[in-house]
PDB file of all heavy atoms in Angstrom:
ATOM      1  N   ALA A   1      75.052  29.493 180.090  1.00  0.00           N
ATOM      2  CA  ALA A   1      75.938  30.583 180.400  1.00  0.00           C
ATOM      3  C   ALA A   1      75.208  31.825 180.371  1.00  0.00           C
ATOM      4  O   ALA A   1      75.376  32.862 181.213  1.00  0.00           O
ATOM      5  CB  ALA A   1      77.230  30.634 179.522  1.00  0.00           C
ATOM      6  N   SER A   2      74.534  32.033 179.159  1.00  0.00           N
ATOM      7  CA  SER A   2      73.789  33.398 179.028  1.00  0.00           C
ATOM      8  C   SER A   2      72.810  33.584 180.101  1.00  0.00           C
ATOM      9  O   SER A   2      72.674  34.593 180.678  1.00  0.00           O
ATOM     10  CB  SER A   2      73.038  33.318 177.623  1.00  0.00           C
ATOM     11  OG  SER A   2      73.968  33.284 176.609  1.00  0.00           O
ATOM     12  N   GLU A   3      71.994  32.533 180.394  1.00  0.00           N
ATOM     13  CA  GLU A   3      70.930  32.833 181.448  1.00  0.00           C
ATOM     14  C   GLU A   3      71.424  33.044 182.748  1.00  0.00           C
ATOM     15  O   GLU A   3      71.031  33.966 183.420  1.00  0.00           O
ATOM     16  CB  GLU A   3      70.137  31.389 181.509  1.00  0.00           C
ATOM     17  CG  GLU A   3      68.801  31.540 182.341  1.00  0.00           C
ATOM     18  CD  GLU A   3      69.027  31.618 183.793  1.00  0.00           C
ATOM     19  OE1 GLU A   3      69.959  30.893 184.289  1.00  0.00           O
ATOM     20  OE2 GLU A   3      68.258  32.163 184.596  1.00  0.00           O
ATOM     21  N   ARG A   4      72.520  32.368 183.181  1.00  0.00           N
ATOM     22  CA  ARG A   4      73.157  32.616 184.429  1.00  0.00           C
ATOM     23  C   ARG A   4      73.832  33.914 184.544  1.00  0.00           C
ATOM     24  O   ARG A   4      73.804  34.654 185.530  1.00  0.00           O
ATOM     25  CB  ARG A   4      74.199  31.526 184.792  1.00  0.00           C
ATOM     26  CG  ARG A   4      73.676  30.129 185.027  1.00  0.00           C
ATOM     27  CD  ARG A   4      72.953  29.951 186.307  1.00  0.00           C
ATOM     28  NE  ARG A   4      71.652  30.486 186.319  1.00  0.00           N
ATOM     29  CZ  ARG A   4      70.859  30.862 187.385  1.00  0.00           C
ATOM     30  NH1 ARG A   4      71.534  30.683 188.569  1.00  0.00           N
ATOM     31  NH2 ARG A   4      69.666  31.298 187.138  1.00  0.00           N
ATOM     32  N   LEU A   5      74.502  34.379 183.409  1.00  0.00           N
ATOM     33  CA  LEU A   5      75.082  35.669 183.371  1.00  0.00           C
ATOM     34  C   LEU A   5      74.077  36.844 183.487  1.00  0.00           C
ATOM     35  O   LEU A   5      74.241  37.860 184.167  1.00  0.00           O
ATOM     36  CB  LEU A   5      75.917  35.912 182.127  1.00  0.00           C
ATOM     37  CG  LEU A   5      77.269  35.037 182.169  1.00  0.00           C
ATOM     38  CD1 LEU A   5      77.887  35.026 180.690  1.00  0.00           C
ATOM     39  CD2 LEU A   5      78.272  35.560 183.120  1.00  0.00           C
ATOM     40  N   VAL A   6      72.963  36.702 182.809  1.00  0.00           N
ATOM     41  CA  VAL A   6      71.786  37.646 182.867  1.00  0.00           C
ATOM     42  C   VAL A   6      71.365  37.758 184.210  1.00  0.00           C
ATOM     43  O   VAL A   6      71.144  38.759 184.716  1.00  0.00           O
ATOM     44  CB  VAL A   6      70.653  37.305 181.765  1.00  0.00           C
ATOM     45  CG1 VAL A   6      69.481  38.081 182.032  1.00  0.00           C
ATOM     46  CG2 VAL A   6      71.205  37.358 180.412  1.00  0.00           C
ATOM     47  N   ALA A   7      71.127  36.560 184.950  1.00  0.00           N
ATOM     48  CA  ALA A   7      70.565  36.534 186.216  1.00  0.00           C
ATOM     49  C   ALA A   7      71.531  37.204 187.312  1.00  0.00           C
ATOM     50  O   ALA A   7      71.067  37.794 188.261  1.00  0.00           O
ATOM     51  CB  ALA A   7      70.394  35.022 186.674  1.00  0.00           C
ATOM     52  N   ALA A   8      72.865  37.303 186.912  1.00  0.00           N
ATOM     53  CA  ALA A   8      73.779  37.859 187.715  1.00  0.00           C
ATOM     54  C   ALA A   8      73.925  39.334 187.480  1.00  0.00           C
ATOM     55  O   ALA A   8      74.783  40.073 188.058  1.00  0.00           O
ATOM     56  CB  ALA A   8      75.162  37.258 187.583  1.00  0.00           C
ATOM     57  N   GLY A   9      73.163  39.878 186.506  1.00  0.00           N
ATOM     58  CA  GLY A   9      73.159  41.269 186.089  1.00  0.00           C
ATOM     59  C   GLY A   9      74.059  41.746 184.933  1.00  0.00           C
ATOM     60  O   GLY A   9      74.220  43.002 184.765  1.00  0.00           O
ATOM     61  N   HIS A  10      74.524  40.884 184.190  1.00  0.00           N
ATOM     62  CA  HIS A  10      75.503  41.216 183.142  1.00  0.00           C
ATOM     63  C   HIS A  10      74.589  41.493 181.893  1.00  0.00           C
ATOM     64  O   HIS A  10      73.554  41.047 181.694  1.00  0.00           O
ATOM     65  CB  HIS A  10      76.411  40.164 182.824  1.00  0.00           C
ATOM     66  CG  HIS A  10      77.380  39.938 183.969  1.00  0.00           C
ATOM     67  ND1 HIS A  10      78.424  40.756 184.336  1.00  0.00           N
ATOM     68  CD2 HIS A  10      77.515  38.848 184.843  1.00  0.00           C
ATOM     69  CE1 HIS A  10      78.987  40.342 185.422  1.00  0.00           C
ATOM     70  NE2 HIS A  10      78.572  39.065 185.788  1.00  0.00           N
ATOM     71  N   ASP A  11      75.287  42.277 181.062  1.00  0.00           N
ATOM     72  CA  ASP A  11      74.654  42.713 179.737  1.00  0.00           C
ATOM     73  C   ASP A  11      75.087  41.706 178.646  1.00  0.00           C
ATOM     74  O   ASP A  11      76.210  41.657 178.278  1.00  0.00           O
ATOM     75  CB  ASP A  11      75.055  44.061 179.237  1.00  0.00           C
ATOM     76  CG  ASP A  11      74.330  44.566 177.936  1.00  0.00           C
ATOM     77  OD1 ASP A  11      73.612  43.764 177.412  1.00  0.00           O
ATOM     78  OD2 ASP A  11      74.922  45.564 177.465  1.00  0.00           O
ATOM     79  N   VAL A  12      74.105  40.704 178.254  1.00  0.00           N
ATOM     80  CA  VAL A  12      74.589  39.559 177.526  1.00  0.00           C
ATOM     81  C   VAL A  12      73.965  39.643 176.099  1.00  0.00           C
ATOM     82  O   VAL A  12      72.727  39.861 176.012  1.00  0.00           O
ATOM     83  CB  VAL A  12      74.207  38.310 178.295  1.00  0.00           C
ATOM     84  CG1 VAL A  12      74.465  36.998 177.429  1.00  0.00           C
ATOM     85  CG2 VAL A  12      74.899  38.155 179.587  1.00  0.00           C
ATOM     86  N   THR A  13      74.731  39.178 175.122  1.00  0.00           N
ATOM     87  CA  THR A  13      74.170  38.928 173.784  1.00  0.00           C
ATOM     88  C   THR A  13      74.628  37.485 173.477  1.00  0.00           C
ATOM     89  O   THR A  13      75.826  37.248 173.383  1.00  0.00           O
ATOM     90  CB  THR A  13      74.679  39.849 172.752  1.00  0.00           C
ATOM     91  OG1 THR A  13      74.356  41.258 173.035  1.00  0.00           O
ATOM     92  CG2 THR A  13      74.169  39.585 171.344  1.00  0.00           C
ATOM     93  N   LEU A  14      73.707  36.676 173.208  1.00  0.00           N
ATOM     94  CA  LEU A  14      73.965  35.338 172.707  1.00  0.00           C
ATOM     95  C   LEU A  14      73.811  35.239 171.216  1.00  0.00           C
ATOM     96  O   LEU A  14      72.732  35.560 170.634  1.00  0.00           O
ATOM     97  CB  LEU A  14      72.813  34.333 173.384  1.00  0.00           C
ATOM     98  CG  LEU A  14      72.966  32.903 172.714  1.00  0.00           C
ATOM     99  CD1 LEU A  14      74.270  32.225 173.109  1.00  0.00           C
ATOM    100  CD2 LEU A  14      71.807  32.052 173.354  1.00  0.00           C
ATOM    101  N   LEU A  15      74.836  34.836 170.554  1.00  0.00           N
ATOM    102  CA  LEU A  15      74.904  34.761 169.095  1.00  0.00           C
ATOM    103  C   LEU A  15      74.836  33.240 168.764  1.00  0.00           C
ATOM    104  O   LEU A  15      75.554  32.476 169.158  1.00  0.00           O
ATOM    105  CB  LEU A  15      76.195  35.235 168.526  1.00  0.00           C
ATOM    106  CG  LEU A  15      76.412  36.796 168.957  1.00  0.00           C
ATOM    107  CD1 LEU A  15      77.829  37.158 168.690  1.00  0.00           C
ATOM    108  CD2 LEU A  15      75.444  37.664 168.213  1.00  0.00           C
ATOM    109  N   ASP A  16      73.665  32.865 168.066  1.00  0.00           N
ATOM    110  CA  ASP A  16      73.456  31.553 167.771  1.00  0.00           C
ATOM    111  C   ASP A  16      73.267  31.371 166.178  1.00  0.00           C
ATOM    112  O   ASP A  16      72.448  32.083 165.627  1.00  0.00           O
ATOM    113  CB  ASP A  16      72.038  31.003 168.313  1.00  0.00           C
ATOM    114  CG  ASP A  16      71.962  29.602 168.284  1.00  0.00           C
ATOM    115  OD1 ASP A  16      72.588  28.863 167.463  1.00  0.00           O
ATOM    116  OD2 ASP A  16      70.933  29.023 169.009  1.00  0.00           O
ATOM    117  N   ALA A  17      74.027  30.559 165.629  1.00  0.00           N
ATOM    118  CA  ALA A  17      74.047  30.456 164.184  1.00  0.00           C
ATOM    119  C   ALA A  17      72.811  29.767 163.650  1.00  0.00           C
ATOM    120  O   ALA A  17      72.406  29.879 162.518  1.00  0.00           O
ATOM    121  CB  ALA A  17      75.195  29.631 163.637  1.00  0.00           C
ATOM    122  N   GLU A  18      72.039  29.004 164.550  1.00  0.00           N
ATOM    123  CA  GLU A  18      70.836  28.397 164.074  1.00  0.00           C
ATOM    124  C   GLU A  18      69.476  28.991 164.629  1.00  0.00           C
ATOM    125  O   GLU A  18      69.499  29.445 165.855  1.00  0.00           O
ATOM    126  CB  GLU A  18      70.904  26.895 164.627  1.00  0.00           C
ATOM    127  CG  GLU A  18      72.035  26.101 164.142  1.00  0.00           C
ATOM    128  CD  GLU A  18      72.059  25.902 162.717  1.00  0.00           C
ATOM    129  OE1 GLU A  18      70.911  25.882 162.088  1.00  0.00           O
ATOM    130  OE2 GLU A  18      73.174  25.786 162.112  1.00  0.00           O
ATOM    131  N   PRO A  19      68.468  29.030 163.867  1.00  0.00           N
ATOM    132  CA  PRO A  19      67.278  29.528 164.311  1.00  0.00           C
ATOM    133  C   PRO A  19      66.691  28.775 165.452  1.00  0.00           C
ATOM    134  O   PRO A  19      66.031  29.357 166.438  1.00  0.00           O
ATOM    135  CB  PRO A  19      66.363  29.414 163.071  1.00  0.00           C
ATOM    136  CG  PRO A  19      67.256  29.362 161.924  1.00  0.00           C
ATOM    137  CD  PRO A  19      68.483  28.663 162.376  1.00  0.00           C
ATOM    138  N   ARG A  20      67.008  27.498 165.512  1.00  0.00           N
ATOM    139  CA  ARG A  20      66.467  26.610 166.503  1.00  0.00           C
ATOM    140  C   ARG A  20      67.455  26.543 167.669  1.00  0.00           C
ATOM    141  O   ARG A  20      68.592  26.241 167.413  1.00  0.00           O
ATOM    142  CB  ARG A  20      66.101  25.238 166.031  1.00  0.00           C
ATOM    143  CG  ARG A  20      65.593  24.288 167.129  1.00  0.00           C
ATOM    144  CD  ARG A  20      65.478  22.748 166.456  1.00  0.00           C
ATOM    145  NE  ARG A  20      66.803  22.406 165.987  1.00  0.00           N
ATOM    146  CZ  ARG A  20      67.766  21.935 166.876  1.00  0.00           C
ATOM    147  NH1 ARG A  20      67.541  21.814 168.188  1.00  0.00           N
ATOM    148  NH2 ARG A  20      68.917  21.538 166.406  1.00  0.00           N
ATOM    149  N   ALA A  21      67.102  26.874 168.913  1.00  0.00           N
ATOM    150  CA  ALA A  21      68.062  26.754 169.957  1.00  0.00           C
ATOM    151  C   ALA A  21      68.279  25.273 170.417  1.00  0.00           C
ATOM    152  O   ALA A  21      67.368  24.440 170.296  1.00  0.00           O
ATOM    153  CB  ALA A  21      67.337  27.614 171.147  1.00  0.00           C
ATOM    154  N   GLY A  22      69.371  25.086 171.033  1.00  0.00           N
ATOM    155  CA  GLY A  22      69.657  23.715 171.662  1.00  0.00           C
ATOM    156  C   GLY A  22      70.728  22.943 171.066  1.00  0.00           C
ATOM    157  O   GLY A  22      71.128  21.926 171.708  1.00  0.00           O
ATOM    158  N   GLY A  23      71.353  23.290 169.934  1.00  0.00           N
ATOM    159  CA  GLY A  23      72.377  22.529 169.307  1.00  0.00           C
ATOM    160  C   GLY A  23      71.937  21.077 169.102  1.00  0.00           C
ATOM    161  O   GLY A  23      71.013  20.758 168.444  1.00  0.00           O
ATOM    162  N   LEU A  24      72.663  20.129 169.735  1.00  0.00           N
ATOM    163  CA  LEU A  24      72.362  18.711 169.532  1.00  0.00           C
ATOM    164  C   LEU A  24      71.167  18.281 170.099  1.00  0.00           C
ATOM    165  O   LEU A  24      70.525  17.225 169.757  1.00  0.00           O
ATOM    166  CB  LEU A  24      73.587  17.923 170.126  1.00  0.00           C
ATOM    167  CG  LEU A  24      74.779  17.765 169.360  1.00  0.00           C
ATOM    168  CD1 LEU A  24      75.955  17.002 170.162  1.00  0.00           C
ATOM    169  CD2 LEU A  24      74.609  16.935 167.976  1.00  0.00           C
ATOM    170  N   ILE A  25      70.713  19.055 171.087  1.00  0.00           N
ATOM    171  CA  ILE A  25      69.213  18.629 171.759  1.00  0.00           C
ATOM    172  C   ILE A  25      68.210  19.116 170.732  1.00  0.00           C
ATOM    173  O   ILE A  25      67.965  20.124 170.348  1.00  0.00           O
ATOM    174  CB  ILE A  25      69.007  19.335 173.102  1.00  0.00           C
ATOM    175  CG1 ILE A  25      70.119  18.989 174.038  1.00  0.00           C
ATOM    176  CG2 ILE A  25      67.664  18.950 173.544  1.00  0.00           C
ATOM    177  CD1 ILE A  25      70.078  19.763 175.324  1.00  0.00           C
ATOM    178  N   HIS A  26      67.436  17.949 170.184  1.00  0.00           N
ATOM    179  CA  HIS A  26      66.495  18.338 169.243  1.00  0.00           C
ATOM    180  C   HIS A  26      65.405  17.219 169.381  1.00  0.00           C
ATOM    181  O   HIS A  26      65.745  16.005 169.227  1.00  0.00           O
ATOM    182  CB  HIS A  26      67.076  18.188 167.828  1.00  0.00           C
ATOM    183  CG  HIS A  26      66.114  18.497 166.691  1.00  0.00           C
ATOM    184  ND1 HIS A  26      66.330  18.096 165.401  1.00  0.00           N
ATOM    185  CD2 HIS A  26      65.060  19.220 166.824  1.00  0.00           C
ATOM    186  CE1 HIS A  26      65.402  18.641 164.662  1.00  0.00           C
ATOM    187  NE2 HIS A  26      64.500  19.187 165.536  1.00  0.00           N
ATOM    188  N   SER A  27      64.080  17.582 169.682  1.00  0.00           N
ATOM    189  CA  SER A  27      63.007  16.600 169.724  1.00  0.00           C
ATOM    190  C   SER A  27      62.223  16.928 168.477  1.00  0.00           C
ATOM    191  O   SER A  27      61.864  18.009 168.231  1.00  0.00           O
ATOM    192  CB  SER A  27      62.300  16.957 171.071  1.00  0.00           C
ATOM    193  OG  SER A  27      63.150  16.989 172.142  1.00  0.00           O
ATOM    194  N   GLU A  28      61.683  15.797 167.946  1.00  0.00           N
ATOM    195  CA  GLU A  28      60.621  15.977 166.806  1.00  0.00           C
ATOM    196  C   GLU A  28      59.526  15.143 167.011  1.00  0.00           C
ATOM    197  O   GLU A  28      59.612  13.948 167.580  1.00  0.00           O
ATOM    198  CB  GLU A  28      61.437  15.378 165.560  1.00  0.00           C
ATOM    199  CG  GLU A  28      62.478  16.371 164.915  1.00  0.00           C
ATOM    200  CD  GLU A  28      62.885  15.874 163.570  1.00  0.00           C
ATOM    201  OE1 GLU A  28      62.066  15.177 162.900  1.00  0.00           O
ATOM    202  OE2 GLU A  28      63.900  16.278 163.115  1.00  0.00           O
ATOM    203  N   ARG A  29      58.366  15.623 166.683  1.00  0.00           N
ATOM    204  CA  ARG A  29      57.083  14.889 166.944  1.00  0.00           C
ATOM    205  C   ARG A  29      56.435  14.607 165.479  1.00  0.00           C
ATOM    206  O   ARG A  29      56.325  15.522 164.675  1.00  0.00           O
ATOM    207  CB  ARG A  29      56.095  15.677 167.805  1.00  0.00           C
ATOM    208  CG  ARG A  29      54.937  14.773 168.234  1.00  0.00           C
ATOM    209  CD  ARG A  29      53.988  15.574 169.080  1.00  0.00           C
ATOM    210  NE  ARG A  29      54.512  15.910 170.526  1.00  0.00           N
ATOM    211  CZ  ARG A  29      54.619  15.027 171.355  1.00  0.00           C
ATOM    212  NH1 ARG A  29      54.097  13.761 171.277  1.00  0.00           N
ATOM    213  NH2 ARG A  29      54.995  15.267 172.612  1.00  0.00           N
ATOM    214  N   ARG A  30      56.258  13.403 165.299  1.00  0.00           N
ATOM    215  CA  ARG A  30      55.505  12.989 163.960  1.00  0.00           C
ATOM    216  C   ARG A  30      54.539  11.867 164.216  1.00  0.00           C
ATOM    217  O   ARG A  30      54.740  10.869 164.784  1.00  0.00           O
ATOM    218  CB  ARG A  30      56.543  12.356 162.913  1.00  0.00           C
ATOM    219  CG  ARG A  30      57.667  13.245 162.604  1.00  0.00           C
ATOM    220  CD  ARG A  30      58.595  12.665 161.533  1.00  0.00           C
ATOM    221  NE  ARG A  30      59.881  13.237 161.475  1.00  0.00           N
ATOM    222  CZ  ARG A  30      60.855  12.632 160.846  1.00  0.00           C
ATOM    223  NH1 ARG A  30      60.888  11.424 160.435  1.00  0.00           N
ATOM    224  NH2 ARG A  30      62.134  13.239 160.802  1.00  0.00           N
ATOM    225  N   ASP A  31      53.224  12.036 163.753  1.00  0.00           N
ATOM    226  CA  ASP A  31      52.235  11.158 163.794  1.00  0.00           C
ATOM    227  C   ASP A  31      51.955  10.486 165.134  1.00  0.00           C
ATOM    228  O   ASP A  31      51.780   9.325 165.362  1.00  0.00           O
ATOM    229  CB  ASP A  31      52.485   9.989 162.743  1.00  0.00           C
ATOM    230  CG  ASP A  31      52.598  10.587 161.442  1.00  0.00           C
ATOM    231  OD1 ASP A  31      51.814  11.557 160.912  1.00  0.00           O
ATOM    232  OD2 ASP A  31      53.396  10.025 160.585  1.00  0.00           O
ATOM    233  N   GLY A  32      52.183  11.344 166.182  1.00  0.00           N
ATOM    234  CA  GLY A  32      51.993  10.868 167.557  1.00  0.00           C
ATOM    235  C   GLY A  32      53.333  10.224 168.188  1.00  0.00           C
ATOM    236  O   GLY A  32      53.168   9.977 169.390  1.00  0.00           O
ATOM    237  N   PHE A  33      54.396  10.128 167.535  1.00  0.00           N
ATOM    238  CA  PHE A  33      55.674   9.623 168.056  1.00  0.00           C
ATOM    239  C   PHE A  33      56.524  10.858 168.299  1.00  0.00           C
ATOM    240  O   PHE A  33      56.521  11.840 167.632  1.00  0.00           O
ATOM    241  CB  PHE A  33      56.371   8.816 167.078  1.00  0.00           C
ATOM    242  CG  PHE A  33      55.692   7.337 166.818  1.00  0.00           C
ATOM    243  CD1 PHE A  33      54.675   7.226 165.867  1.00  0.00           C
ATOM    244  CD2 PHE A  33      56.093   6.320 167.640  1.00  0.00           C
ATOM    245  CE1 PHE A  33      54.157   6.037 165.722  1.00  0.00           C
ATOM    246  CE2 PHE A  33      55.502   5.124 167.345  1.00  0.00           C
ATOM    247  CZ  PHE A  33      54.426   4.896 166.506  1.00  0.00           C
ATOM    248  N   LEU A  34      57.273  10.814 169.330  1.00  0.00           N
ATOM    249  CA  LEU A  34      58.185  11.835 169.790  1.00  0.00           C
ATOM    250  C   LEU A  34      59.567  11.161 169.714  1.00  0.00           C
ATOM    251  O   LEU A  34      59.931  10.344 170.494  1.00  0.00           O
ATOM    252  CB  LEU A  34      57.890  12.355 171.163  1.00  0.00           C
ATOM    253  CG  LEU A  34      58.807  13.558 171.628  1.00  0.00           C
ATOM    254  CD1 LEU A  34      58.609  14.827 170.835  1.00  0.00           C
ATOM    255  CD2 LEU A  34      58.398  13.824 173.184  1.00  0.00           C
ATOM    256  N   PHE A  35      60.482  11.884 168.895  1.00  0.00           N
ATOM    257  CA  PHE A  35      61.846  11.416 168.607  1.00  0.00           C
ATOM    258  C   PHE A  35      62.852  12.341 169.314  1.00  0.00           C
ATOM    259  O   PHE A  35      62.737  13.572 169.136  1.00  0.00           O
ATOM    260  CB  PHE A  35      62.187  11.173 167.154  1.00  0.00           C
ATOM    261  CG  PHE A  35      61.113  10.560 166.317  1.00  0.00           C
ATOM    262  CD1 PHE A  35      60.520  11.292 165.288  1.00  0.00           C
ATOM    263  CD2 PHE A  35      60.853   9.243 166.638  1.00  0.00           C
ATOM    264  CE1 PHE A  35      59.565  10.591 164.581  1.00  0.00           C
ATOM    265  CE2 PHE A  35      59.855   8.600 165.787  1.00  0.00           C
ATOM    266  CZ  PHE A  35      59.256   9.237 164.739  1.00  0.00           C
ATOM    267  N   GLU A  36      63.876  11.804 169.888  1.00  0.00           N
ATOM    268  CA  GLU A  36      64.986  12.480 170.208  1.00  0.00           C
ATOM    269  C   GLU A  36      66.209  12.199 169.270  1.00  0.00           C
ATOM    270  O   GLU A  36      66.611  11.105 169.205  1.00  0.00           O
ATOM    271  CB  GLU A  36      65.460  12.151 171.692  1.00  0.00           C
ATOM    272  CG  GLU A  36      64.537  12.486 172.797  1.00  0.00           C
ATOM    273  CD  GLU A  36      64.257  14.044 173.038  1.00  0.00           C
ATOM    274  OE1 GLU A  36      64.976  14.814 172.384  1.00  0.00           O
ATOM    275  OE2 GLU A  36      63.420  14.367 173.937  1.00  0.00           O
ATOM    276  N   THR A  37      66.586  13.098 168.498  1.00  0.00           N
ATOM    277  CA  THR A  37      67.709  12.962 167.482  1.00  0.00           C
ATOM    278  C   THR A  37      69.114  13.104 168.060  1.00  0.00           C
ATOM    279  O   THR A  37      70.056  12.609 167.400  1.00  0.00           O
ATOM    280  CB  THR A  37      67.581  13.876 166.295  1.00  0.00           C
ATOM    281  OG1 THR A  37      67.862  15.150 166.791  1.00  0.00           O
ATOM    282  CG2 THR A  37      66.049  13.974 165.847  1.00  0.00           C
ATOM    283  N   GLY A  38      69.134  13.603 169.205  1.00  0.00           N
ATOM    284  CA  GLY A  38      70.389  13.733 169.948  1.00  0.00           C
ATOM    285  C   GLY A  38      70.371  13.169 171.261  1.00  0.00           C
ATOM    286  O   GLY A  38      69.882  12.059 171.639  1.00  0.00           O
ATOM    287  N   PRO A  39      70.821  13.935 172.432  1.00  0.00           N
ATOM    288  CA  PRO A  39      70.717  13.406 173.771  1.00  0.00           C
ATOM    289  C   PRO A  39      69.297  13.096 174.139  1.00  0.00           C
ATOM    290  O   PRO A  39      68.299  13.721 173.689  1.00  0.00           O
ATOM    291  CB  PRO A  39      71.228  14.680 174.539  1.00  0.00           C
ATOM    292  CG  PRO A  39      72.052  15.397 173.718  1.00  0.00           C
ATOM    293  CD  PRO A  39      71.498  15.268 172.299  1.00  0.00           C
ATOM    294  N   GLN A  40      69.061  11.996 174.864  1.00  0.00           N
ATOM    295  CA  GLN A  40      67.850  11.405 175.089  1.00  0.00           C
ATOM    296  C   GLN A  40      67.237  11.814 176.423  1.00  0.00           C
ATOM    297  O   GLN A  40      65.994  11.606 176.553  1.00  0.00           O
ATOM    298  CB  GLN A  40      67.905   9.885 174.841  1.00  0.00           C
ATOM    299  CG  GLN A  40      66.745   9.064 174.904  1.00  0.00           C
ATOM    300  CD  GLN A  40      66.692   8.281 176.301  1.00  0.00           C
ATOM    301  OE1 GLN A  40      67.595   8.397 177.211  1.00  0.00           O
ATOM    302  NE2 GLN A  40      65.779   7.425 176.533  1.00  0.00           N
ATOM    303  N   ALA A  41      67.997  11.999 177.453  1.00  0.00           N
ATOM    304  CA  ALA A  41      67.569  12.272 178.721  1.00  0.00           C
ATOM    305  C   ALA A  41      68.682  12.916 179.568  1.00  0.00           C
ATOM    306  O   ALA A  41      69.664  13.161 179.077  1.00  0.00           O
ATOM    307  CB  ALA A  41      67.098  10.909 179.419  1.00  0.00           C
ATOM    308  N   ILE A  42      68.211  13.526 180.731  1.00  0.00           N
ATOM    309  CA  ILE A  42      69.101  14.046 181.703  1.00  0.00           C
ATOM    310  C   ILE A  42      69.061  13.177 182.958  1.00  0.00           C
ATOM    311  O   ILE A  42      67.969  12.728 183.298  1.00  0.00           O
ATOM    312  CB  ILE A  42      68.762  15.554 181.972  1.00  0.00           C
ATOM    313  CG1 ILE A  42      68.743  16.273 180.665  1.00  0.00           C
ATOM    314  CG2 ILE A  42      69.755  16.158 182.963  1.00  0.00           C
ATOM    315  CD1 ILE A  42      68.310  17.751 180.972  1.00  0.00           C
ATOM    316  N   LEU A  43      70.171  13.041 183.648  1.00  0.00           N
ATOM    317  CA  LEU A  43      70.197  12.315 184.998  1.00  0.00           C
ATOM    318  C   LEU A  43      70.205  13.292 186.056  1.00  0.00           C
ATOM    319  O   LEU A  43      70.734  14.338 186.062  1.00  0.00           O
ATOM    320  CB  LEU A  43      71.605  11.589 185.040  1.00  0.00           C
ATOM    321  CG  LEU A  43      71.653  10.245 185.873  1.00  0.00           C
ATOM    322  CD1 LEU A  43      70.563   9.280 185.566  1.00  0.00           C
ATOM    323  CD2 LEU A  43      73.035   9.642 185.840  1.00  0.00           C
ATOM    324  N   SER A  44      69.246  12.930 186.964  1.00  0.00           N
ATOM    325  CA  SER A  44      69.014  13.876 188.086  1.00  0.00           C
ATOM    326  C   SER A  44      70.220  13.857 189.063  1.00  0.00           C
ATOM    327  O   SER A  44      71.117  13.023 189.096  1.00  0.00           O
ATOM    328  CB  SER A  44      67.758  13.507 188.865  1.00  0.00           C
ATOM    329  OG  SER A  44      67.958  12.204 189.546  1.00  0.00           O
ATOM    330  N   GLY A  45      70.052  14.679 190.017  1.00  0.00           N
ATOM    331  CA  GLY A  45      71.112  14.862 191.174  1.00  0.00           C
ATOM    332  C   GLY A  45      72.144  15.806 190.964  1.00  0.00           C
ATOM    333  O   GLY A  45      73.113  15.872 191.739  1.00  0.00           O
ATOM    334  N   ARG A  46      72.114  16.745 189.960  1.00  0.00           N
ATOM    335  CA  ARG A  46      73.139  17.705 189.857  1.00  0.00           C
ATOM    336  C   ARG A  46      72.595  19.159 190.204  1.00  0.00           C
ATOM    337  O   ARG A  46      71.623  19.553 189.531  1.00  0.00           O
ATOM    338  CB  ARG A  46      73.654  17.701 188.278  1.00  0.00           C
ATOM    339  CG  ARG A  46      74.339  16.380 187.826  1.00  0.00           C
ATOM    340  CD  ARG A  46      75.668  16.265 188.371  1.00  0.00           C
ATOM    341  NE  ARG A  46      76.617  17.059 187.766  1.00  0.00           N
ATOM    342  CZ  ARG A  46      77.350  16.713 186.724  1.00  0.00           C
ATOM    343  NH1 ARG A  46      77.196  15.497 186.130  1.00  0.00           N
ATOM    344  NH2 ARG A  46      78.072  17.574 186.150  1.00  0.00           N
TER     345      ARG A  46
END
């Protein structure tokens, strides 16, 4: 919403309670392994 509104010329402030952006989307890398702790992929065609 923020990106699209900014692209349309609006004055936007996004307030996020977390330092890390993305909410449930969270990828972690450890010892060469890459984990998805939330959503795992996106389906094309949209």
